[in-house]
N, C-alpha and C. Protein backbone atom coordinates (compact mmCIF):
# COMPACT_ATOMS: atom_id res chain seq x y z
N MET A 1 2.00 -18.84 23.82
CA MET A 1 2.31 -18.70 22.41
C MET A 1 2.19 -17.23 22.01
N VAL A 2 3.12 -16.75 21.21
CA VAL A 2 3.13 -15.37 20.77
C VAL A 2 2.20 -15.20 19.57
N GLN A 3 1.29 -14.25 19.67
CA GLN A 3 0.34 -13.96 18.60
C GLN A 3 1.01 -13.07 17.55
N PRO A 4 0.91 -13.38 16.27
CA PRO A 4 1.50 -12.52 15.25
C PRO A 4 0.81 -11.16 15.22
N LEU A 5 1.56 -10.13 14.91
CA LEU A 5 1.02 -8.77 14.85
C LEU A 5 0.07 -8.60 13.68
N ILE A 6 0.40 -9.21 12.55
CA ILE A 6 -0.45 -9.17 11.36
C ILE A 6 -0.89 -10.61 11.09
N GLU A 7 -2.18 -10.79 10.94
CA GLU A 7 -2.75 -12.13 10.77
C GLU A 7 -2.88 -12.52 9.29
N TYR A 8 -2.77 -13.81 9.02
CA TYR A 8 -3.00 -14.33 7.68
C TYR A 8 -4.37 -13.86 7.20
N GLY A 9 -4.43 -13.35 5.97
CA GLY A 9 -5.70 -12.91 5.40
C GLY A 9 -6.01 -11.45 5.62
N GLU A 10 -5.27 -10.76 6.48
CA GLU A 10 -5.53 -9.34 6.67
C GLU A 10 -5.09 -8.57 5.43
N LYS A 11 -5.78 -7.47 5.17
CA LYS A 11 -5.48 -6.64 4.00
C LYS A 11 -4.64 -5.44 4.43
N LEU A 12 -3.66 -5.13 3.58
CA LEU A 12 -2.66 -4.12 3.92
C LEU A 12 -2.47 -3.10 2.80
N HIS A 13 -2.14 -1.89 3.20
CA HIS A 13 -1.67 -0.84 2.28
C HIS A 13 -0.24 -0.54 2.72
N ILE A 14 0.71 -0.74 1.82
CA ILE A 14 2.13 -0.61 2.16
C ILE A 14 2.76 0.47 1.29
N VAL A 15 3.43 1.41 1.95
CA VAL A 15 4.15 2.47 1.26
C VAL A 15 5.64 2.23 1.45
N THR A 16 6.38 2.19 0.34
CA THR A 16 7.83 2.11 0.43
C THR A 16 8.36 3.52 0.63
N ARG A 17 9.07 3.73 1.72
CA ARG A 17 9.60 5.07 2.01
C ARG A 17 10.62 5.47 0.95
N ARG A 18 10.52 6.71 0.52
CA ARG A 18 11.50 7.26 -0.41
C ARG A 18 12.66 7.81 0.39
N ARG A 19 13.86 7.43 0.01
CA ARG A 19 15.05 7.94 0.70
C ARG A 19 15.54 9.24 0.10
N TYR A 20 15.29 9.41 -1.19
CA TYR A 20 15.72 10.61 -1.89
C TYR A 20 14.56 11.17 -2.68
N GLU A 21 14.57 12.44 -2.94
CA GLU A 21 13.48 13.08 -3.67
C GLU A 21 13.26 12.46 -5.04
N THR A 22 14.32 11.95 -5.65
CA THR A 22 14.21 11.37 -6.99
C THR A 22 13.76 9.91 -6.99
N ASP A 23 13.62 9.29 -5.81
CA ASP A 23 13.16 7.90 -5.73
C ASP A 23 11.72 7.81 -6.21
N MET A 24 11.40 6.71 -6.88
CA MET A 24 10.04 6.46 -7.33
C MET A 24 9.16 6.17 -6.11
N SER A 25 7.95 6.66 -6.14
CA SER A 25 7.01 6.43 -5.05
C SER A 25 6.21 5.17 -5.34
N ASN A 26 6.43 4.13 -4.53
CA ASN A 26 5.78 2.83 -4.72
C ASN A 26 4.83 2.52 -3.57
N HIS A 27 3.65 2.04 -3.91
CA HIS A 27 2.68 1.60 -2.93
C HIS A 27 2.20 0.22 -3.32
N PHE A 28 1.69 -0.52 -2.35
CA PHE A 28 1.19 -1.86 -2.61
C PHE A 28 -0.04 -2.09 -1.76
N VAL A 29 -1.07 -2.66 -2.36
CA VAL A 29 -2.30 -3.01 -1.65
C VAL A 29 -2.51 -4.50 -1.84
N GLY A 30 -2.60 -5.23 -0.74
CA GLY A 30 -2.74 -6.67 -0.89
C GLY A 30 -3.20 -7.36 0.37
N ILE A 31 -3.19 -8.68 0.28
CA ILE A 31 -3.64 -9.54 1.37
C ILE A 31 -2.46 -10.38 1.85
N LEU A 32 -2.31 -10.48 3.16
CA LEU A 32 -1.21 -11.24 3.74
C LEU A 32 -1.42 -12.72 3.48
N ARG A 33 -0.43 -13.35 2.87
CA ARG A 33 -0.51 -14.78 2.55
C ARG A 33 0.38 -15.62 3.46
N ALA A 34 1.45 -15.02 3.99
CA ALA A 34 2.35 -15.76 4.88
C ALA A 34 3.23 -14.77 5.61
N SER A 35 3.73 -15.21 6.78
CA SER A 35 4.68 -14.39 7.52
C SER A 35 5.57 -15.29 8.36
N VAL A 36 6.81 -14.87 8.46
CA VAL A 36 7.78 -15.52 9.33
C VAL A 36 8.55 -14.40 10.00
N ASN A 37 8.38 -14.32 11.32
CA ASN A 37 8.99 -13.23 12.08
C ASN A 37 8.58 -11.89 11.46
N SER A 38 9.53 -11.10 10.96
CA SER A 38 9.20 -9.78 10.41
C SER A 38 9.14 -9.78 8.88
N ILE A 39 9.14 -10.95 8.26
CA ILE A 39 9.07 -11.04 6.80
C ILE A 39 7.65 -11.47 6.43
N ILE A 40 7.05 -10.71 5.50
CA ILE A 40 5.69 -11.03 5.09
C ILE A 40 5.62 -11.21 3.57
N ARG A 41 4.71 -12.08 3.15
CA ARG A 41 4.42 -12.27 1.73
C ARG A 41 3.00 -11.78 1.50
N VAL A 42 2.87 -10.82 0.57
CA VAL A 42 1.60 -10.16 0.32
C VAL A 42 1.25 -10.30 -1.15
N HIS A 43 -0.01 -10.63 -1.44
CA HIS A 43 -0.50 -10.82 -2.81
C HIS A 43 -1.48 -9.69 -3.12
N GLY A 44 -1.20 -8.92 -4.18
CA GLY A 44 -2.08 -7.80 -4.50
C GLY A 44 -1.58 -6.98 -5.67
N TYR A 45 -1.78 -5.67 -5.57
CA TYR A 45 -1.50 -4.75 -6.67
C TYR A 45 -0.46 -3.70 -6.30
N ALA A 46 0.42 -3.42 -7.25
CA ALA A 46 1.41 -2.35 -7.10
C ALA A 46 0.86 -1.06 -7.70
N PHE A 47 1.13 0.04 -7.03
CA PHE A 47 0.78 1.37 -7.51
C PHE A 47 2.06 2.17 -7.63
N VAL A 48 2.19 2.91 -8.73
CA VAL A 48 3.39 3.72 -8.97
C VAL A 48 2.95 5.11 -9.38
N PHE A 49 3.72 6.10 -8.96
CA PHE A 49 3.42 7.49 -9.30
C PHE A 49 3.95 7.79 -10.70
N ASP A 50 3.09 8.32 -11.56
CA ASP A 50 3.45 8.73 -12.92
C ASP A 50 3.80 10.21 -12.88
N ASP A 51 5.09 10.52 -13.04
CA ASP A 51 5.56 11.91 -12.97
C ASP A 51 4.95 12.80 -14.03
N GLU A 52 4.70 12.27 -15.22
CA GLU A 52 4.14 13.09 -16.30
C GLU A 52 2.69 13.45 -16.04
N LYS A 53 1.89 12.48 -15.61
CA LYS A 53 0.47 12.73 -15.36
C LYS A 53 0.20 13.25 -13.95
N LYS A 54 1.21 13.12 -13.07
CA LYS A 54 1.09 13.55 -11.67
C LYS A 54 -0.04 12.80 -10.95
N GLU A 55 -0.06 11.48 -11.17
CA GLU A 55 -1.06 10.65 -10.50
C GLU A 55 -0.54 9.23 -10.34
N TYR A 56 -1.16 8.49 -9.44
CA TYR A 56 -0.81 7.09 -9.23
C TYR A 56 -1.59 6.20 -10.19
N PHE A 57 -0.94 5.15 -10.67
CA PHE A 57 -1.65 4.17 -11.48
C PHE A 57 -1.37 2.78 -10.93
N ARG A 58 -2.34 1.90 -11.11
CA ARG A 58 -2.21 0.51 -10.63
C ARG A 58 -1.75 -0.36 -11.77
N HIS A 59 -0.74 -1.16 -11.52
CA HIS A 59 -0.36 -2.18 -12.49
C HIS A 59 -1.52 -3.18 -12.57
N PRO A 60 -1.93 -3.58 -13.75
CA PRO A 60 -3.14 -4.41 -13.89
C PRO A 60 -3.00 -5.84 -13.38
N GLU A 61 -1.79 -6.38 -13.38
CA GLU A 61 -1.65 -7.78 -12.99
C GLU A 61 -1.38 -7.90 -11.48
N LEU A 62 -1.92 -8.97 -10.91
CA LEU A 62 -1.66 -9.29 -9.51
C LEU A 62 -0.20 -9.68 -9.35
N ARG A 63 0.36 -9.32 -8.21
CA ARG A 63 1.76 -9.64 -7.91
C ARG A 63 1.86 -10.18 -6.50
N THR A 64 2.91 -10.92 -6.25
CA THR A 64 3.23 -11.35 -4.90
C THR A 64 4.56 -10.72 -4.53
N ARG A 65 4.56 -10.01 -3.41
CA ARG A 65 5.77 -9.31 -2.97
C ARG A 65 6.14 -9.77 -1.56
N ILE A 66 7.45 -9.73 -1.32
CA ILE A 66 8.00 -10.04 0.00
C ILE A 66 8.49 -8.73 0.61
N PHE A 67 8.10 -8.47 1.84
CA PHE A 67 8.53 -7.27 2.55
C PHE A 67 9.19 -7.68 3.86
N GLY A 68 10.33 -7.06 4.15
CA GLY A 68 11.00 -7.25 5.44
C GLY A 68 10.66 -6.07 6.33
N LEU A 69 9.88 -6.29 7.34
CA LEU A 69 9.39 -5.19 8.17
C LEU A 69 10.29 -4.90 9.37
N ASP A 70 11.49 -5.46 9.37
CA ASP A 70 12.40 -5.24 10.49
C ASP A 70 13.17 -3.93 10.37
N LYS A 71 12.96 -3.19 9.30
CA LYS A 71 13.59 -1.88 9.10
C LYS A 71 12.50 -0.86 8.86
N ALA A 72 12.86 0.39 8.88
CA ALA A 72 11.88 1.48 8.71
C ALA A 72 11.66 1.82 7.24
N ASP A 73 11.76 0.85 6.35
CA ASP A 73 11.63 1.10 4.91
C ASP A 73 10.18 1.15 4.44
N PHE A 74 9.25 0.74 5.29
CA PHE A 74 7.86 0.64 4.87
C PHE A 74 6.92 1.24 5.91
N ILE A 75 5.83 1.82 5.41
CA ILE A 75 4.73 2.23 6.26
C ILE A 75 3.60 1.26 5.94
N VAL A 76 3.12 0.54 6.95
CA VAL A 76 2.11 -0.49 6.75
C VAL A 76 0.82 -0.07 7.45
N ASN A 77 -0.26 -0.03 6.69
CA ASN A 77 -1.57 0.29 7.22
C ASN A 77 -2.48 -0.92 7.05
N LEU A 78 -3.18 -1.30 8.11
CA LEU A 78 -4.22 -2.32 7.98
C LEU A 78 -5.43 -1.64 7.36
N ILE A 79 -6.07 -2.32 6.43
CA ILE A 79 -7.23 -1.73 5.78
C ILE A 79 -8.46 -2.60 6.02
N HIS A 80 -9.61 -2.05 5.75
CA HIS A 80 -10.87 -2.71 6.04
C HIS A 80 -10.89 -4.11 5.42
N PRO A 81 -11.31 -5.11 6.17
CA PRO A 81 -11.28 -6.49 5.67
C PRO A 81 -12.17 -6.75 4.46
N GLU A 82 -13.17 -5.92 4.24
CA GLU A 82 -14.05 -6.13 3.09
C GLU A 82 -13.66 -5.28 1.88
N THR A 83 -12.48 -4.67 1.93
CA THR A 83 -11.99 -3.88 0.80
C THR A 83 -11.82 -4.77 -0.41
N GLU A 84 -12.34 -4.32 -1.54
CA GLU A 84 -12.14 -5.02 -2.81
C GLU A 84 -10.83 -4.51 -3.40
N LEU A 85 -9.79 -5.31 -3.32
CA LEU A 85 -8.46 -4.86 -3.73
C LEU A 85 -8.40 -4.44 -5.19
N ASP A 86 -9.14 -5.12 -6.05
CA ASP A 86 -9.10 -4.78 -7.47
C ASP A 86 -9.89 -3.50 -7.80
N GLU A 87 -10.53 -2.92 -6.79
CA GLU A 87 -11.26 -1.67 -6.99
C GLU A 87 -10.59 -0.47 -6.34
N VAL A 88 -9.44 -0.68 -5.70
CA VAL A 88 -8.73 0.43 -5.05
C VAL A 88 -8.15 1.36 -6.12
N VAL A 89 -8.40 2.64 -5.91
CA VAL A 89 -7.88 3.70 -6.79
C VAL A 89 -7.34 4.81 -5.91
N TYR A 90 -6.61 5.72 -6.53
CA TYR A 90 -6.11 6.90 -5.84
C TYR A 90 -6.87 8.10 -6.36
N GLU A 91 -7.37 8.92 -5.42
CA GLU A 91 -8.14 10.11 -5.79
C GLU A 91 -7.65 11.30 -4.98
N VAL A 92 -7.69 12.46 -5.61
CA VAL A 92 -7.39 13.70 -4.90
C VAL A 92 -8.71 14.39 -4.60
N LYS A 93 -8.93 14.70 -3.32
CA LYS A 93 -10.12 15.43 -2.88
C LYS A 93 -9.67 16.53 -1.95
N ASP A 94 -10.06 17.76 -2.27
CA ASP A 94 -9.70 18.91 -1.43
C ASP A 94 -8.20 18.97 -1.17
N ASP A 95 -7.40 18.77 -2.22
CA ASP A 95 -5.94 18.82 -2.16
C ASP A 95 -5.32 17.75 -1.25
N ARG A 96 -6.04 16.67 -1.01
CA ARG A 96 -5.52 15.56 -0.22
C ARG A 96 -5.63 14.29 -1.06
N LEU A 97 -4.64 13.41 -0.90
CA LEU A 97 -4.60 12.17 -1.67
C LEU A 97 -5.14 11.02 -0.84
N PHE A 98 -6.08 10.27 -1.42
CA PHE A 98 -6.69 9.13 -0.75
C PHE A 98 -6.53 7.87 -1.60
N ALA A 99 -6.29 6.76 -0.92
CA ALA A 99 -6.45 5.44 -1.53
C ALA A 99 -7.83 4.99 -1.08
N THR A 100 -8.66 4.53 -2.02
CA THR A 100 -10.03 4.20 -1.68
C THR A 100 -10.60 3.14 -2.62
N ASP A 101 -11.57 2.39 -2.12
CA ASP A 101 -12.35 1.51 -2.99
C ASP A 101 -13.74 2.11 -3.22
N ASN A 102 -13.92 3.35 -2.75
CA ASN A 102 -15.18 4.09 -2.86
C ASN A 102 -16.35 3.36 -2.20
N ARG A 103 -16.02 2.55 -1.20
CA ARG A 103 -17.05 1.87 -0.42
C ARG A 103 -16.70 2.00 1.06
N ARG A 104 -15.98 1.02 1.56
CA ARG A 104 -15.64 0.99 2.99
C ARG A 104 -14.23 1.45 3.29
N PHE A 105 -13.36 1.43 2.31
CA PHE A 105 -11.96 1.75 2.54
C PHE A 105 -11.63 3.13 1.98
N SER A 106 -11.09 3.99 2.84
CA SER A 106 -10.60 5.30 2.42
C SER A 106 -9.45 5.67 3.36
N LEU A 107 -8.27 5.86 2.80
CA LEU A 107 -7.08 6.14 3.59
C LEU A 107 -6.42 7.41 3.06
N ASP A 108 -6.33 8.42 3.91
CA ASP A 108 -5.65 9.66 3.56
C ASP A 108 -4.15 9.40 3.63
N ILE A 109 -3.48 9.47 2.49
CA ILE A 109 -2.05 9.19 2.44
C ILE A 109 -1.25 10.41 2.00
N THR A 110 -1.83 11.58 2.17
CA THR A 110 -1.21 12.83 1.73
C THR A 110 0.18 13.03 2.32
N GLU A 111 0.35 12.80 3.61
CA GLU A 111 1.60 13.16 4.28
C GLU A 111 2.83 12.44 3.78
N TYR A 112 2.67 11.28 3.16
CA TYR A 112 3.86 10.59 2.64
C TYR A 112 3.72 10.21 1.19
N SER A 113 2.88 10.92 0.45
CA SER A 113 2.68 10.50 -0.94
C SER A 113 2.74 11.60 -1.97
N LEU A 114 2.27 12.77 -1.67
CA LEU A 114 2.25 13.83 -2.69
C LEU A 114 3.62 14.44 -2.87
N ARG A 115 3.93 14.78 -4.09
CA ARG A 115 5.20 15.43 -4.38
C ARG A 115 4.97 16.92 -4.47
N GLY A 116 5.89 17.67 -3.96
CA GLY A 116 5.74 19.11 -3.94
C GLY A 116 6.06 19.79 -5.24
């Protein structure tokens, strides 16, 4: 039997790749609820870059999103299983951007997130 690459219940940080400089920068932090082949359903929070404030903000309501991972449209990071998803924030430290819950989860996402 083939073992799935991402297991039910694992927590993920997903970045939607920007194709053009003017594309909105979207991130998602959530928990895997289902998967079929390369399609996953994730329940969690959307983060969007605010151009005026030059920072990411989390939409307050939980969302369920479907991602097709068979293309290079997403960067998917597994995150610590004890991460509190509702406590994840984005912080800049030493000119680097981190997604963190200020406990066990801290992910440097500078290379694909900051705008020049």
